């Protein structure tokens, strides 16, 4: 099992964080997801034999949000997928 923290941009409400969590949980091999709107982070625990950080990033982008794999303060440059 691996742990990955994604810095998600564009989340503006609880609906946004729920959308991100749902997108990540839909990936085969993802075991646990905790999304924090206040920090702009998604903590993901996953099986590295079934998925990869690139797939996690793609899922977040597919839900309409931006993502930065590096540990950096999140910015709200991208518009969110639920509140626009």
PDB file of N, CA and C in Angstrom:
ATOM      1  N   UNK A   1       0.834  -1.189   0.000  1.00  0.00           N
ATOM      2  CA  UNK A   1       0.000   0.000   0.000  1.00  0.00           C
ATOM      3  C   UNK A   1       0.876   1.249   0.000  1.00  0.00           C
ATOM      4  N   UNK A   2       0.421   2.230  -0.732  1.00  0.00           N
ATOM      5  CA  UNK A   2       1.103   3.512  -0.811  1.00  0.00           C
ATOM      6  C   UNK A   2       0.154   4.602  -0.332  1.00  0.00           C
ATOM      7  N   UNK A   3       0.741   5.695   0.144  1.00  0.00           N
ATOM      8  CA  UNK A   3      -0.027   6.880   0.506  1.00  0.00           C
ATOM      9  C   UNK A   3       0.417   8.020  -0.389  1.00  0.00           C
ATOM     10  N   UNK A   4      -0.541   8.803  -0.851  1.00  0.00           N
ATOM     11  CA  UNK A   4      -0.239   9.948  -1.714  1.00  0.00           C
ATOM     12  C   UNK A   4      -1.101  11.116  -1.277  1.00  0.00           C
ATOM     13  N   UNK A   5      -0.487  12.280  -1.156  1.00  0.00           N
ATOM     14  CA  UNK A   5      -1.244  13.493  -0.874  1.00  0.00           C
ATOM     15  C   UNK A   5      -1.274  14.332  -2.138  1.00  0.00           C
ATOM     16  N   UNK A   6      -2.478  14.662  -2.584  1.00  0.00           N
ATOM     17  CA  UNK A   6      -2.663  15.495  -3.759  1.00  0.00           C
ATOM     18  C   UNK A   6      -3.118  16.869  -3.302  1.00  0.00           C
ATOM     19  N   UNK A   7      -2.529  17.900  -3.844  1.00  0.00           N
ATOM     20  CA  UNK A   7      -2.986  19.260  -3.584  1.00  0.00           C
ATOM     21  C   UNK A   7      -3.977  19.605  -4.691  1.00  0.00           C
ATOM     22  N   UNK A   8      -5.249  19.676  -4.308  1.00  0.00           N
ATOM     23  CA  UNK A   8      -6.328  19.860  -5.270  1.00  0.00           C
ATOM     24  C   UNK A   8      -6.690  21.332  -5.354  1.00  0.00           C
ATOM     25  N   UNK A   9      -6.743  21.869  -6.562  1.00  0.00           N
ATOM     26  CA  UNK A   9      -7.121  23.258  -6.764  1.00  0.00           C
ATOM     27  C   UNK A   9      -8.533  23.334  -7.319  1.00  0.00           C
ATOM     28  N   UNK A  10      -9.216  24.410  -6.981  1.00  0.00           N
ATOM     29  CA  UNK A  10     -10.538  24.640  -7.529  1.00  0.00           C
ATOM     30  C   UNK A  10     -11.686  24.212  -6.637  1.00  0.00           C
ATOM     31  N   UNK A  11     -11.405  23.604  -5.485  1.00  0.00           N
ATOM     32  CA  UNK A  11     -12.484  23.217  -4.576  1.00  0.00           C
ATOM     33  C   UNK A  11     -12.954  24.441  -3.803  1.00  0.00           C
ATOM     34  N   UNK A  12     -14.260  24.699  -3.835  1.00  0.00           N
ATOM     35  CA  UNK A  12     -14.798  25.876  -3.150  1.00  0.00           C
ATOM     36  C   UNK A  12     -15.896  25.550  -2.140  1.00  0.00           C
ATOM     37  N   UNK A  13     -16.356  24.285  -2.101  1.00  0.00           N
ATOM     38  CA  UNK A  13     -17.433  23.938  -1.167  1.00  0.00           C
ATOM     39  C   UNK A  13     -17.356  22.451  -0.827  1.00  0.00           C
ATOM     40  N   UNK A  14     -18.223  22.017   0.088  1.00  0.00           N
ATOM     41  CA  UNK A  14     -18.250  20.603   0.465  1.00  0.00           C
ATOM     42  C   UNK A  14     -18.630  19.710  -0.708  1.00  0.00           C
ATOM     43  N   UNK A  15     -19.452  20.227  -1.610  1.00  0.00           N
ATOM     44  CA  UNK A  15     -19.814  19.455  -2.800  1.00  0.00           C
ATOM     45  C   UNK A  15     -18.592  19.152  -3.651  1.00  0.00           C
ATOM     46  N   UNK A  16     -17.697  20.131  -3.739  1.00  0.00           N
ATOM     47  CA  UNK A  16     -16.456  19.935  -4.503  1.00  0.00           C
ATOM     48  C   UNK A  16     -15.622  18.826  -3.876  1.00  0.00           C
ATOM     49  N   UNK A  17     -15.441  18.890  -2.564  1.00  0.00           N
ATOM     50  CA  UNK A  17     -14.621  17.873  -1.903  1.00  0.00           C
ATOM     51  C   UNK A  17     -15.261  16.494  -2.032  1.00  0.00           C
ATOM     52  N   UNK A  18     -16.585  16.435  -2.008  1.00  0.00           N
ATOM     53  CA  UNK A  18     -17.284  15.157  -2.208  1.00  0.00           C
ATOM     54  C   UNK A  18     -17.064  14.632  -3.621  1.00  0.00           C
ATOM     55  N   UNK A  19     -17.090  15.518  -4.606  1.00  0.00           N
ATOM     56  CA  UNK A  19     -16.854  15.107  -5.998  1.00  0.00           C
ATOM     57  C   UNK A  19     -15.455  14.542  -6.175  1.00  0.00           C
ATOM     58  N   UNK A  20     -14.464  15.177  -5.543  1.00  0.00           N
ATOM     59  CA  UNK A  20     -13.082  14.698  -5.634  1.00  0.00           C
ATOM     60  C   UNK A  20     -12.962  13.324  -4.976  1.00  0.00           C
ATOM     61  N   UNK A  21     -13.538  13.186  -3.787  1.00  0.00           N
ATOM     62  CA  UNK A  21     -13.478  11.900  -3.081  1.00  0.00           C
ATOM     63  C   UNK A  21     -14.139  10.797  -3.896  1.00  0.00           C
ATOM     64  N   UNK A  22     -15.287  11.078  -4.482  1.00  0.00           N
ATOM     65  CA  UNK A  22     -16.015  10.094  -5.283  1.00  0.00           C
ATOM     66  C   UNK A  22     -15.193   9.665  -6.496  1.00  0.00           C
ATOM     67  N   UNK A  23     -14.557  10.636  -7.166  1.00  0.00           N
ATOM     68  CA  UNK A  23     -13.739  10.325  -8.341  1.00  0.00           C
ATOM     69  C   UNK A  23     -12.561   9.434  -7.965  1.00  0.00           C
ATOM     70  N   UNK A  24     -11.927   9.716  -6.840  1.00  0.00           N
ATOM     71  CA  UNK A  24     -10.775   8.923  -6.415  1.00  0.00           C
ATOM     72  C   UNK A  24     -11.190   7.531  -5.948  1.00  0.00           C
ATOM     73  N   UNK A  25     -12.297   7.438  -5.228  1.00  0.00           N
ATOM     74  CA  UNK A  25     -12.759   6.139  -4.726  1.00  0.00           C
ATOM     75  C   UNK A  25     -13.197   5.210  -5.849  1.00  0.00           C
ATOM     76  N   UNK A  26     -13.517   5.760  -7.009  1.00  0.00           N
ATOM     77  CA  UNK A  26     -13.949   4.948  -8.150  1.00  0.00           C
ATOM     78  C   UNK A  26     -12.788   4.224  -8.833  1.00  0.00           C
ATOM     79  N   UNK A  27     -11.560   4.576  -8.493  1.00  0.00           N
ATOM     80  CA  UNK A  27     -10.389   3.961  -9.117  1.00  0.00           C
ATOM     81  C   UNK A  27     -10.112   2.606  -8.469  1.00  0.00           C
ATOM     82  N   UNK A  28     -10.010   1.533  -9.272  1.00  0.00           N
ATOM     83  CA  UNK A  28      -9.655   0.232  -8.704  1.00  0.00           C
ATOM     84  C   UNK A  28      -8.311   0.313  -7.976  1.00  0.00           C
ATOM     85  N   UNK A  29      -8.261  -0.225  -6.775  1.00  0.00           N
ATOM     86  CA  UNK A  29      -7.028  -0.216  -5.990  1.00  0.00           C
ATOM     87  C   UNK A  29      -6.976   0.871  -4.941  1.00  0.00           C
ATOM     88  N   UNK A  30      -7.888   1.848  -5.009  1.00  0.00           N
ATOM     89  CA  UNK A  30      -7.932   2.898  -3.990  1.00  0.00           C
ATOM     90  C   UNK A  30      -8.701   2.347  -2.794  1.00  0.00           C
ATOM     91  N   UNK A  31      -8.063   2.396  -1.623  1.00  0.00           N
ATOM     92  CA  UNK A  31      -8.657   1.832  -0.410  1.00  0.00           C
ATOM     93  C   UNK A  31      -9.237   2.885   0.518  1.00  0.00           C
ATOM     94  N   UNK A  32      -8.657   4.078   0.555  1.00  0.00           N
ATOM     95  CA  UNK A  32      -9.134   5.100   1.472  1.00  0.00           C
ATOM     96  C   UNK A  32      -8.844   6.473   0.887  1.00  0.00           C
ATOM     97  N   UNK A  33      -9.796   7.391   1.049  1.00  0.00           N
ATOM     98  CA  UNK A  33      -9.646   8.758   0.568  1.00  0.00           C
ATOM     99  C   UNK A  33     -10.175   9.698   1.641  1.00  0.00           C
ATOM    100  N   UNK A  34      -9.376  10.708   1.978  1.00  0.00           N
ATOM    101  CA  UNK A  34      -9.828  11.763   2.877  1.00  0.00           C
ATOM    102  C   UNK A  34      -9.525  13.087   2.185  1.00  0.00           C
ATOM    103  N   UNK A  35     -10.575  13.858   1.897  1.00  0.00           N
ATOM    104  CA  UNK A  35     -10.420  15.135   1.216  1.00  0.00           C
ATOM    105  C   UNK A  35     -10.737  16.249   2.204  1.00  0.00           C
ATOM    106  N   UNK A  36      -9.829  17.213   2.307  1.00  0.00           N
ATOM    107  CA  UNK A  36     -10.018  18.361   3.194  1.00  0.00           C
ATOM    108  C   UNK A  36     -10.188  19.625   2.360  1.00  0.00           C
ATOM    109  N   UNK A  37     -11.361  20.221   2.460  1.00  0.00           N
ATOM    110  CA  UNK A  37     -11.618  21.474   1.756  1.00  0.00           C
ATOM    111  C   UNK A  37     -10.736  22.583   2.318  1.00  0.00           C
ATOM    112  N   UNK A  38     -10.556  22.615   3.641  1.00  0.00           N
ATOM    113  CA  UNK A  38      -9.806  23.711   4.269  1.00  0.00           C
ATOM    114  C   UNK A  38      -8.331  23.728   3.874  1.00  0.00           C
ATOM    115  N   UNK A  39      -7.733  22.561   3.676  1.00  0.00           N
ATOM    116  CA  UNK A  39      -6.316  22.520   3.285  1.00  0.00           C
ATOM    117  C   UNK A  39      -6.137  22.333   1.785  1.00  0.00           C
ATOM    118  N   UNK A  40      -7.211  21.941   1.096  1.00  0.00           N
ATOM    119  CA  UNK A  40      -7.111  21.692  -0.340  1.00  0.00           C
ATOM    120  C   UNK A  40      -6.351  20.425  -0.661  1.00  0.00           C
ATOM    121  N   UNK A  41      -6.377  19.465   0.263  1.00  0.00           N
ATOM    122  CA  UNK A  41      -5.619  18.237   0.067  1.00  0.00           C
ATOM    123  C   UNK A  41      -6.517  17.013   0.035  1.00  0.00           C
ATOM    124  N   UNK A  42      -6.091  16.037  -0.741  1.00  0.00           N
ATOM    125  CA  UNK A  42      -6.728  14.729  -0.771  1.00  0.00           C
ATOM    126  C   UNK A  42      -5.655  13.704  -0.407  1.00  0.00           C
ATOM    127  N   UNK A  43      -5.885  12.996   0.697  1.00  0.00           N
ATOM    128  CA  UNK A  43      -4.970  11.938   1.123  1.00  0.00           C
ATOM    129  C   UNK A  43      -5.541  10.621   0.617  1.00  0.00           C
ATOM    130  N   UNK A  44      -4.733   9.886  -0.140  1.00  0.00           N
ATOM    131  CA  UNK A  44      -5.206   8.664  -0.785  1.00  0.00           C
ATOM    132  C   UNK A  44      -4.299   7.503  -0.389  1.00  0.00           C
ATOM    133  N   UNK A  45      -4.916   6.400   0.018  1.00  0.00           N
ATOM    134  CA  UNK A  45      -4.188   5.160   0.290  1.00  0.00           C
ATOM    135  C   UNK A  45      -4.592   4.184  -0.809  1.00  0.00           C
ATOM    136  N   UNK A  46      -3.611   3.646  -1.518  1.00  0.00           N
ATOM    137  CA  UNK A  46      -3.912   2.815  -2.682  1.00  0.00           C
ATOM    138  C   UNK A  46      -2.907   1.686  -2.851  1.00  0.00           C
ATOM    139  N   UNK A  47      -3.323   0.691  -3.614  1.00  0.00           N
ATOM    140  CA  UNK A  47      -2.485  -0.445  -3.966  1.00  0.00           C
ATOM    141  C   UNK A  47      -1.708  -0.075  -5.228  1.00  0.00           C
ATOM    142  N   UNK A  48      -0.400   0.046  -5.092  1.00  0.00           N
ATOM    143  CA  UNK A  48       0.441   0.487  -6.205  1.00  0.00           C
ATOM    144  C   UNK A  48       0.491  -0.528  -7.349  1.00  0.00           C
ATOM    145  N   UNK A  49       0.020  -1.746  -7.125  1.00  0.00           N
ATOM    146  CA  UNK A  49      -0.030  -2.728  -8.210  1.00  0.00           C
ATOM    147  C   UNK A  49      -1.284  -2.567  -9.062  1.00  0.00           C
ATOM    148  N   UNK A  50      -2.262  -1.814  -8.560  1.00  0.00           N
ATOM    149  CA  UNK A  50      -3.515  -1.633  -9.290  1.00  0.00           C
ATOM    150  C   UNK A  50      -3.708  -0.236  -9.854  1.00  0.00           C
ATOM    151  N   UNK A  51      -3.029   0.741  -9.280  1.00  0.00           N
ATOM    152  CA  UNK A  51      -3.169   2.114  -9.771  1.00  0.00           C
ATOM    153  C   UNK A  51      -1.871   2.875  -9.539  1.00  0.00           C
ATOM    154  N   UNK A  52      -1.829   4.113  -9.984  1.00  0.00           N
ATOM    155  CA  UNK A  52      -0.609   4.910  -9.884  1.00  0.00           C
ATOM    156  C   UNK A  52      -0.961   6.355  -9.566  1.00  0.00           C
ATOM    157  N   UNK A  53       0.017   7.147  -9.128  1.00  0.00           N
ATOM    158  CA  UNK A  53      -0.239   8.570  -8.887  1.00  0.00           C
ATOM    159  C   UNK A  53      -0.779   9.285 -10.126  1.00  0.00           C
ATOM    160  N   UNK A  54      -0.333   8.882 -11.307  1.00  0.00           N
ATOM    161  CA  UNK A  54      -0.839   9.508 -12.536  1.00  0.00           C
ATOM    162  C   UNK A  54      -2.329   9.243 -12.719  1.00  0.00           C
ATOM    163  N   UNK A  55      -2.776   8.040 -12.372  1.00  0.00           N
ATOM    164  CA  UNK A  55      -4.202   7.728 -12.475  1.00  0.00           C
ATOM    165  C   UNK A  55      -5.009   8.516 -11.452  1.00  0.00           C
ATOM    166  N   UNK A  56      -4.459   8.722 -10.261  1.00  0.00           N
ATOM    167  CA  UNK A  56      -5.130   9.526  -9.240  1.00  0.00           C
ATOM    168  C   UNK A  56      -5.291  10.955  -9.753  1.00  0.00           C
ATOM    169  N   UNK A  57      -4.214  11.478 -10.296  1.00  0.00           N
ATOM    170  CA  UNK A  57      -4.226  12.843 -10.831  1.00  0.00           C
ATOM    171  C   UNK A  57      -5.245  12.972 -11.968  1.00  0.00           C
ATOM    172  N   UNK A  58      -5.284  11.994 -12.852  1.00  0.00           N
ATOM    173  CA  UNK A  58      -6.231  12.021 -13.968  1.00  0.00           C
ATOM    174  C   UNK A  58      -7.675  12.006 -13.487  1.00  0.00           C
ATOM    175  N   UNK A  59      -7.954  11.249 -12.429  1.00  0.00           N
ATOM    176  CA  UNK A  59      -9.315  11.175 -11.893  1.00  0.00           C
ATOM    177  C   UNK A  59      -9.756  12.527 -11.347  1.00  0.00           C
ATOM    178  N   UNK A  60      -8.852  13.212 -10.640  1.00  0.00           N
ATOM    179  CA  UNK A  60      -9.178  14.531 -10.094  1.00  0.00           C
ATOM    180  C   UNK A  60      -9.419  15.517 -11.234  1.00  0.00           C
ATOM    181  N   UNK A  61      -8.557  15.492 -12.234  1.00  0.00           N
ATOM    182  CA  UNK A  61      -8.733  16.378 -13.391  1.00  0.00           C
ATOM    183  C   UNK A  61     -10.015  16.056 -14.144  1.00  0.00           C
ATOM    184  N   UNK A  62     -10.337  14.767 -14.247  1.00  0.00           N
ATOM    185  CA  UNK A  62     -11.557  14.354 -14.912  1.00  0.00           C
ATOM    186  C   UNK A  62     -12.808  14.838 -14.196  1.00  0.00           C
ATOM    187  N   UNK A  63     -12.699  15.054 -12.888  1.00  0.00           N
ATOM    188  CA  UNK A  63     -13.825  15.562 -12.101  1.00  0.00           C
ATOM    189  C   UNK A  63     -13.940  17.086 -12.203  1.00  0.00           C
ATOM    190  N   UNK A  64     -12.972  17.711 -12.890  1.00  0.00           N
ATOM    191  CA  UNK A  64     -13.054  19.152 -13.121  1.00  0.00           C
ATOM    192  C   UNK A  64     -12.192  20.014 -12.221  1.00  0.00           C
ATOM    193  N   UNK A  65     -11.208  19.415 -11.570  1.00  0.00           N
ATOM    194  CA  UNK A  65     -10.343  20.154 -10.649  1.00  0.00           C
ATOM    195  C   UNK A  65      -8.896  20.047 -11.094  1.00  0.00           C
ATOM    196  N   UNK A  66      -8.066  20.916 -10.551  1.00  0.00           N
ATOM    197  CA  UNK A  66      -6.641  20.855 -10.816  1.00  0.00           C
ATOM    198  C   UNK A  66      -5.954  20.081  -9.708  1.00  0.00           C
ATOM    199  N   UNK A  67      -4.744  19.610  -9.973  1.00  0.00           N
ATOM    200  CA  UNK A  67      -4.004  18.867  -8.954  1.00  0.00           C
ATOM    201  C   UNK A  67      -2.514  19.129  -9.094  1.00  0.00           C
ATOM    202  N   UNK A  68      -1.864  19.228  -7.947  1.00  0.00           N
ATOM    203  CA  UNK A  68      -0.420  19.412  -7.877  1.00  0.00           C
ATOM    204  C   UNK A  68       0.111  18.317  -6.972  1.00  0.00           C
ATOM    205  N   UNK A  69       0.966  17.442  -7.496  1.00  0.00           N
ATOM    206  CA  UNK A  69       1.470  16.314  -6.718  1.00  0.00           C
ATOM    207  C   UNK A  69       2.450  16.765  -5.639  1.00  0.00           C
ATOM    208  N   UNK A  70       3.080  17.912  -5.818  1.00  0.00           N
ATOM    209  CA  UNK A  70       4.055  18.399  -4.845  1.00  0.00           C
ATOM    210  C   UNK A  70       3.344  18.921  -3.604  1.00  0.00           C
ATOM    211  N   UNK A  71       4.033  18.893  -2.492  1.00  0.00           N
ATOM    212  CA  UNK A  71       3.501  19.425  -1.242  1.00  0.00           C
ATOM    213  C   UNK A  71       3.681  20.933  -1.279  1.00  0.00           C
ATOM    214  N   UNK A  72       2.665  21.643  -1.729  1.00  0.00           N
ATOM    215  CA  UNK A  72       2.736  23.100  -1.829  1.00  0.00           C
ATOM    216  C   UNK A  72       1.378  23.669  -1.475  1.00  0.00           C
ATOM    217  N   UNK A  73       1.332  24.931  -1.070  1.00  0.00           N
ATOM    218  CA  UNK A  73       0.029  25.518  -0.777  1.00  0.00           C
ATOM    219  C   UNK A  73      -0.869  25.479  -2.003  1.00  0.00           C
ATOM    220  N   UNK A  74      -2.138  25.142  -1.786  1.00  0.00           N
ATOM    221  CA  UNK A  74      -3.039  25.064  -2.929  1.00  0.00           C
ATOM    222  C   UNK A  74      -3.463  26.443  -3.356  1.00  0.00           C
ATOM    223  N   UNK A  75      -3.677  26.585  -4.644  1.00  0.00           N
ATOM    224  CA  UNK A  75      -4.193  27.839  -5.162  1.00  0.00           C
ATOM    225  C   UNK A  75      -5.516  27.543  -5.839  1.00  0.00           C
ATOM    226  N   UNK A  76      -6.335  28.525  -5.990  1.00  0.00           N
ATOM    227  CA  UNK A  76      -7.651  28.311  -6.562  1.00  0.00           C
ATOM    228  C   UNK A  76      -7.705  28.877  -7.979  1.00  0.00           C
ATOM    229  N   UNK A  77      -6.746  28.494  -8.812  1.00  0.00           N
ATOM    230  CA  UNK A  77      -6.687  28.985 -10.175  1.00  0.00           C
ATOM    231  C   UNK A  77      -7.703  28.268 -11.072  1.00  0.00           C
ATOM    232  N   UNK A  78      -7.897  27.008 -10.821  1.00  0.00           N
ATOM    233  CA  UNK A  78      -8.816  26.213 -11.638  1.00  0.00           C
ATOM    234  C   UNK A  78     -10.231  26.391 -11.106  1.00  0.00           C
ATOM    235  N   UNK A  79     -11.202  26.472 -12.002  1.00  0.00           N
ATOM    236  CA  UNK A  79     -12.555  26.577 -11.478  1.00  0.00           C
ATOM    237  C   UNK A  79     -13.071  25.176 -11.181  1.00  0.00           C
ATOM    238  N   UNK A  80     -13.800  25.080 -10.094  1.00  0.00           N
ATOM    239  CA  UNK A  80     -14.263  23.794  -9.609  1.00  0.00           C
ATOM    240  C   UNK A  80     -15.276  23.143 -10.512  1.00  0.00           C
ATOM    241  N   UNK A  81     -15.446  21.851 -10.315  1.00  0.00           N
ATOM    242  CA  UNK A  81     -16.334  21.076 -11.146  1.00  0.00           C
ATOM    243  C   UNK A  81     -17.792  21.134 -10.702  1.00  0.00           C
ATOM    244  N   UNK A  82     -18.093  21.706  -9.533  1.00  0.00           N
ATOM    245  CA  UNK A  82     -19.492  21.723  -9.119  1.00  0.00           C
ATOM    246  C   UNK A  82     -20.029  23.128  -8.888  1.00  0.00           C
ATOM    247  N   UNK A  83     -19.178  24.084  -8.577  1.00  0.00           N
ATOM    248  CA  UNK A  83     -19.643  25.431  -8.221  1.00  0.00           C
ATOM    249  C   UNK A  83     -19.259  26.473  -9.265  1.00  0.00           C
ATOM    250  N   UNK A  84     -18.280  26.116 -10.085  1.00  0.00           N
ATOM    251  CA  UNK A  84     -17.814  26.956 -11.168  1.00  0.00           C
ATOM    252  C   UNK A  84     -17.333  28.271 -10.775  1.00  0.00           C
TER     253      UNK A  84
END
